[in-house]
């Protein structure tokens, strides 16, 4: 079955950076687009970014465009989210999403 395991979250000060990773298994990773989504405390699910199966097509929500970078390594079945210039409003549980499945998420907290 599809398994997605996120890592790399933590506590960071405003303006700081984090790199999230998602390890995928149970499906042919290189054949599928991958997404990052997030959920802030008390709010609904928000789509963050998507990358096509080849890695040469990426899109971002307006709230993160210019600050976040999505990438993938098909040989390793991993997708990453480089997050720069983090702000308190980026505080959320971040999960990768594909094939109607997502992982347990990794918590990102941005606070001084």
N, C-alpha and C. Protein backbone atom coordinates (compact mmCIF):
# COMPACT_ATOMS: atom_id res chain seq x y z
N UNK A 1 0.84 -1.18 0.00
CA UNK A 1 0.00 0.00 0.00
C UNK A 1 0.89 1.25 0.00
N UNK A 2 0.28 2.37 -0.33
CA UNK A 2 1.02 3.63 -0.37
C UNK A 2 1.47 4.01 1.04
N UNK A 3 2.76 4.33 1.16
CA UNK A 3 3.30 4.84 2.42
C UNK A 3 4.09 6.10 2.14
N UNK A 4 3.83 7.11 2.95
CA UNK A 4 4.52 8.39 2.83
C UNK A 4 4.99 8.78 4.23
N UNK A 5 6.28 9.02 4.36
CA UNK A 5 6.86 9.34 5.67
C UNK A 5 7.63 10.65 5.57
N UNK A 6 7.13 11.65 6.29
CA UNK A 6 7.74 12.97 6.26
C UNK A 6 8.74 13.14 7.40
N UNK A 7 9.71 14.01 7.18
CA UNK A 7 10.70 14.33 8.20
C UNK A 7 11.27 15.72 7.92
N UNK A 8 11.98 16.24 8.92
CA UNK A 8 12.69 17.50 8.71
C UNK A 8 12.08 18.72 9.37
N UNK A 9 10.93 18.56 10.00
CA UNK A 9 10.30 19.70 10.65
C UNK A 9 11.04 20.11 11.92
N UNK A 10 10.59 21.20 12.52
CA UNK A 10 11.20 21.66 13.76
C UNK A 10 10.80 23.07 14.09
N UNK A 11 11.50 23.64 15.07
CA UNK A 11 11.26 25.01 15.51
C UNK A 11 12.33 25.90 14.89
N UNK A 12 11.90 26.99 14.27
CA UNK A 12 12.84 27.89 13.61
C UNK A 12 12.38 29.33 13.85
N UNK A 13 13.32 30.24 13.89
CA UNK A 13 12.98 31.65 14.06
C UNK A 13 12.51 32.25 12.73
N UNK A 14 11.72 33.31 12.79
CA UNK A 14 11.32 33.99 11.55
C UNK A 14 12.54 34.36 10.71
N UNK A 15 12.42 34.11 9.40
CA UNK A 15 13.53 34.34 8.50
C UNK A 15 14.42 33.13 8.30
N UNK A 16 14.20 32.10 9.08
CA UNK A 16 15.02 30.90 9.00
C UNK A 16 14.58 29.95 7.90
N UNK A 17 15.27 28.82 7.81
CA UNK A 17 15.02 27.84 6.76
C UNK A 17 14.90 26.44 7.34
N UNK A 18 14.15 25.62 6.64
CA UNK A 18 14.05 24.19 6.92
C UNK A 18 13.92 23.44 5.60
N UNK A 19 14.35 22.19 5.60
CA UNK A 19 14.18 21.33 4.42
C UNK A 19 13.43 20.09 4.83
N UNK A 20 12.23 19.94 4.29
CA UNK A 20 11.41 18.78 4.58
C UNK A 20 11.67 17.69 3.54
N UNK A 21 11.53 16.45 3.98
CA UNK A 21 11.67 15.30 3.09
C UNK A 21 10.48 14.38 3.25
N UNK A 22 10.15 13.69 2.18
CA UNK A 22 9.08 12.69 2.20
C UNK A 22 9.58 11.45 1.48
N UNK A 23 9.61 10.35 2.20
CA UNK A 23 10.02 9.07 1.62
C UNK A 23 8.77 8.29 1.23
N UNK A 24 8.71 7.88 -0.03
CA UNK A 24 7.52 7.21 -0.55
C UNK A 24 7.81 5.74 -0.85
N UNK A 25 6.79 4.90 -0.69
CA UNK A 25 6.90 3.49 -1.03
C UNK A 25 5.52 2.94 -1.33
N UNK A 26 5.49 1.76 -1.96
CA UNK A 26 4.22 1.10 -2.23
C UNK A 26 3.60 1.45 -3.56
N UNK A 27 4.27 2.28 -4.36
CA UNK A 27 3.77 2.62 -5.69
C UNK A 27 4.95 3.03 -6.56
N UNK A 28 4.72 3.14 -7.86
CA UNK A 28 5.78 3.51 -8.79
C UNK A 28 5.97 5.02 -8.73
N UNK A 29 6.85 5.45 -7.85
CA UNK A 29 7.02 6.85 -7.50
C UNK A 29 7.22 7.74 -8.73
N UNK A 30 8.04 7.29 -9.65
CA UNK A 30 8.42 8.12 -10.80
C UNK A 30 7.26 8.36 -11.76
N UNK A 31 6.14 7.69 -11.55
CA UNK A 31 5.00 7.84 -12.45
C UNK A 31 3.98 8.87 -11.97
N UNK A 32 4.18 9.42 -10.77
CA UNK A 32 3.14 10.24 -10.17
C UNK A 32 3.62 11.62 -9.76
N UNK A 33 2.71 12.60 -9.93
CA UNK A 33 2.92 13.92 -9.36
C UNK A 33 2.91 13.78 -7.84
N UNK A 34 3.64 14.67 -7.18
CA UNK A 34 3.66 14.68 -5.72
C UNK A 34 3.31 16.09 -5.22
N UNK A 35 2.63 16.13 -4.10
CA UNK A 35 2.19 17.39 -3.51
C UNK A 35 2.70 17.54 -2.08
N UNK A 36 2.82 18.77 -1.66
CA UNK A 36 2.94 19.10 -0.24
C UNK A 36 1.69 19.89 0.14
N UNK A 37 1.15 19.54 1.29
CA UNK A 37 0.01 20.26 1.85
C UNK A 37 0.34 20.59 3.30
N UNK A 38 -0.44 21.50 3.90
CA UNK A 38 -0.21 21.83 5.30
C UNK A 38 -1.52 22.17 5.98
N UNK A 39 -1.50 22.03 7.29
CA UNK A 39 -2.67 22.39 8.09
C UNK A 39 -2.21 23.13 9.33
N UNK A 40 -2.60 24.38 9.41
CA UNK A 40 -2.27 25.20 10.56
C UNK A 40 -3.27 24.92 11.68
N UNK A 41 -2.88 25.20 12.92
CA UNK A 41 -3.79 24.95 14.05
C UNK A 41 -5.13 25.66 13.86
N UNK A 42 -6.21 24.91 13.96
CA UNK A 42 -7.54 25.50 13.87
C UNK A 42 -7.98 25.87 12.48
N UNK A 43 -7.20 25.50 11.45
CA UNK A 43 -7.54 25.86 10.08
C UNK A 43 -7.66 24.62 9.21
N UNK A 44 -8.18 24.81 8.01
CA UNK A 44 -8.35 23.70 7.09
C UNK A 44 -7.07 23.35 6.36
N UNK A 45 -7.16 22.31 5.54
CA UNK A 45 -6.01 21.85 4.79
C UNK A 45 -5.71 22.85 3.66
N UNK A 46 -4.44 23.18 3.50
CA UNK A 46 -4.00 24.12 2.47
C UNK A 46 -2.99 23.45 1.55
N UNK A 47 -3.25 23.48 0.26
CA UNK A 47 -2.28 22.97 -0.71
C UNK A 47 -1.11 23.94 -0.80
N UNK A 48 0.11 23.40 -0.85
CA UNK A 48 1.31 24.23 -0.85
C UNK A 48 2.03 24.19 -2.20
N UNK A 49 2.27 22.97 -2.71
CA UNK A 49 3.09 22.87 -3.91
C UNK A 49 2.88 21.52 -4.57
N UNK A 50 3.18 21.47 -5.89
CA UNK A 50 3.09 20.22 -6.64
C UNK A 50 4.28 20.14 -7.59
N UNK A 51 4.74 18.91 -7.83
CA UNK A 51 5.82 18.67 -8.78
C UNK A 51 5.40 17.52 -9.69
N UNK A 52 5.67 17.65 -10.98
CA UNK A 52 5.27 16.58 -11.89
C UNK A 52 6.20 15.39 -11.75
N UNK A 53 5.87 14.30 -12.44
CA UNK A 53 6.62 13.07 -12.23
C UNK A 53 8.07 13.19 -12.68
N UNK A 54 8.34 14.00 -13.68
CA UNK A 54 9.71 14.17 -14.14
C UNK A 54 10.51 15.19 -13.36
N UNK A 55 9.84 15.99 -12.57
CA UNK A 55 10.52 17.00 -11.75
C UNK A 55 10.76 18.32 -12.44
N UNK A 56 10.30 18.47 -13.69
CA UNK A 56 10.56 19.71 -14.42
C UNK A 56 9.35 20.62 -14.50
N UNK A 57 8.31 20.28 -13.77
CA UNK A 57 7.14 21.14 -13.71
C UNK A 57 6.73 21.31 -12.25
N UNK A 58 6.77 22.54 -11.77
CA UNK A 58 6.44 22.80 -10.37
C UNK A 58 5.47 23.99 -10.28
N UNK A 59 4.64 23.96 -9.26
CA UNK A 59 3.71 25.07 -9.01
C UNK A 59 3.61 25.26 -7.50
N UNK A 60 3.30 26.51 -7.12
CA UNK A 60 3.24 26.87 -5.71
C UNK A 60 2.00 27.70 -5.43
N UNK A 61 1.53 27.62 -4.20
CA UNK A 61 0.48 28.53 -3.77
C UNK A 61 1.07 29.93 -3.68
N UNK A 62 0.23 30.92 -3.81
CA UNK A 62 0.70 32.30 -3.74
C UNK A 62 1.36 32.61 -2.39
N UNK A 63 0.92 31.93 -1.36
CA UNK A 63 1.42 32.22 -0.02
C UNK A 63 2.87 31.79 0.19
N UNK A 64 3.37 30.89 -0.66
CA UNK A 64 4.75 30.41 -0.48
C UNK A 64 5.63 30.67 -1.70
N UNK A 65 5.06 31.15 -2.78
CA UNK A 65 5.81 31.36 -4.01
C UNK A 65 6.98 32.31 -3.76
N UNK A 66 8.15 31.91 -4.24
CA UNK A 66 9.34 32.72 -4.06
C UNK A 66 10.12 32.41 -2.79
N UNK A 67 9.51 31.63 -1.90
CA UNK A 67 10.19 31.27 -0.65
C UNK A 67 10.42 29.77 -0.52
N UNK A 68 9.54 28.97 -1.10
CA UNK A 68 9.65 27.52 -1.01
C UNK A 68 10.06 26.94 -2.37
N UNK A 69 10.79 25.81 -2.32
CA UNK A 69 11.20 25.12 -3.54
C UNK A 69 10.95 23.63 -3.37
N UNK A 70 10.17 23.07 -4.29
CA UNK A 70 9.90 21.63 -4.27
C UNK A 70 10.85 20.94 -5.24
N UNK A 71 11.28 19.74 -4.87
CA UNK A 71 12.14 18.95 -5.75
C UNK A 71 11.91 17.47 -5.47
N UNK A 72 12.42 16.63 -6.33
CA UNK A 72 12.27 15.19 -6.13
C UNK A 72 13.50 14.46 -6.66
N UNK A 73 13.73 13.27 -6.09
CA UNK A 73 14.78 12.38 -6.55
C UNK A 73 14.12 11.04 -6.81
N UNK A 74 13.83 10.77 -8.06
CA UNK A 74 13.08 9.55 -8.38
C UNK A 74 13.86 8.28 -8.05
N UNK A 75 15.18 8.35 -8.17
CA UNK A 75 15.99 7.16 -7.84
C UNK A 75 15.87 6.79 -6.36
N UNK A 76 15.56 7.79 -5.52
CA UNK A 76 15.47 7.56 -4.07
C UNK A 76 14.03 7.55 -3.57
N UNK A 77 13.07 7.74 -4.48
CA UNK A 77 11.65 7.80 -4.09
C UNK A 77 11.41 8.86 -3.01
N UNK A 78 12.02 10.02 -3.19
CA UNK A 78 11.85 11.07 -2.20
C UNK A 78 11.44 12.39 -2.87
N UNK A 79 10.70 13.17 -2.12
CA UNK A 79 10.34 14.53 -2.53
C UNK A 79 10.70 15.45 -1.37
N UNK A 80 11.19 16.63 -1.73
CA UNK A 80 11.66 17.57 -0.72
C UNK A 80 10.96 18.90 -0.84
N UNK A 81 10.96 19.63 0.25
CA UNK A 81 10.44 21.00 0.24
C UNK A 81 11.45 21.88 0.99
N UNK A 82 12.17 22.69 0.25
CA UNK A 82 13.09 23.65 0.84
C UNK A 82 12.29 24.91 1.17
N UNK A 83 12.31 25.29 2.43
CA UNK A 83 11.52 26.43 2.89
C UNK A 83 12.46 27.50 3.43
N UNK A 84 12.48 28.63 2.78
CA UNK A 84 13.34 29.75 3.17
C UNK A 84 12.48 30.94 3.61
N UNK A 85 13.10 31.83 4.35
CA UNK A 85 12.42 33.02 4.84
C UNK A 85 11.08 32.66 5.51
N UNK A 86 11.14 31.70 6.39
CA UNK A 86 9.93 31.24 7.06
C UNK A 86 9.33 32.33 7.95
N UNK A 87 8.02 32.34 8.01
CA UNK A 87 7.28 33.32 8.77
C UNK A 87 6.32 32.62 9.74
N UNK A 88 5.88 33.30 10.80
CA UNK A 88 4.98 32.65 11.76
C UNK A 88 3.74 32.05 11.10
N UNK A 89 3.25 32.63 10.05
CA UNK A 89 2.06 32.08 9.38
C UNK A 89 2.34 30.79 8.64
N UNK A 90 3.61 30.39 8.54
CA UNK A 90 3.96 29.10 7.95
C UNK A 90 3.88 27.97 8.97
N UNK A 91 3.64 28.29 10.22
CA UNK A 91 3.50 27.26 11.25
C UNK A 91 2.34 26.34 10.91
N UNK A 92 2.64 25.05 10.82
CA UNK A 92 1.62 24.07 10.41
C UNK A 92 2.21 22.67 10.46
N UNK A 93 1.32 21.70 10.31
CA UNK A 93 1.73 20.32 10.10
C UNK A 93 1.82 20.10 8.59
N UNK A 94 2.99 19.74 8.10
CA UNK A 94 3.23 19.58 6.68
C UNK A 94 3.23 18.10 6.30
N UNK A 95 2.51 17.78 5.24
CA UNK A 95 2.42 16.39 4.78
C UNK A 95 2.62 16.34 3.27
N UNK A 96 3.17 15.23 2.79
CA UNK A 96 3.19 15.01 1.34
C UNK A 96 1.94 14.20 0.98
N UNK A 97 1.52 14.35 -0.26
CA UNK A 97 0.23 13.79 -0.68
C UNK A 97 0.35 13.24 -2.09
N UNK A 98 -0.18 12.02 -2.27
CA UNK A 98 -0.26 11.41 -3.60
C UNK A 98 -1.23 10.25 -3.52
N UNK A 99 -1.90 9.98 -4.63
CA UNK A 99 -2.78 8.81 -4.72
C UNK A 99 -3.76 8.75 -3.56
N UNK A 100 -4.36 9.90 -3.24
CA UNK A 100 -5.35 9.97 -2.16
C UNK A 100 -4.79 9.52 -0.81
N UNK A 101 -3.51 9.65 -0.62
CA UNK A 101 -2.88 9.27 0.64
C UNK A 101 -1.92 10.35 1.09
N UNK A 102 -1.77 10.46 2.39
CA UNK A 102 -0.73 11.33 2.93
C UNK A 102 -0.16 10.72 4.19
N UNK A 103 1.01 11.21 4.58
CA UNK A 103 1.68 10.64 5.72
C UNK A 103 1.22 11.26 7.03
N UNK A 104 1.97 10.97 8.08
CA UNK A 104 1.61 11.47 9.41
C UNK A 104 1.96 12.94 9.59
N UNK A 105 2.80 13.44 8.70
CA UNK A 105 3.17 14.84 8.73
C UNK A 105 4.37 15.13 9.61
N UNK A 106 4.94 16.32 9.40
CA UNK A 106 6.04 16.80 10.21
C UNK A 106 5.73 18.24 10.61
N UNK A 107 5.88 18.54 11.89
CA UNK A 107 5.47 19.83 12.42
C UNK A 107 6.54 20.89 12.16
N UNK A 108 6.11 22.02 11.65
CA UNK A 108 6.96 23.19 11.46
C UNK A 108 6.40 24.32 12.33
N UNK A 109 7.24 24.84 13.20
CA UNK A 109 6.85 25.95 14.06
C UNK A 109 7.82 27.10 13.85
N UNK A 110 7.29 28.25 13.51
CA UNK A 110 8.10 29.43 13.27
C UNK A 110 7.77 30.46 14.36
N UNK A 111 8.74 30.68 15.22
CA UNK A 111 8.49 31.55 16.36
C UNK A 111 9.81 32.12 16.88
N UNK A 112 9.75 33.34 17.39
CA UNK A 112 10.93 33.93 18.00
C UNK A 112 10.93 33.67 19.51
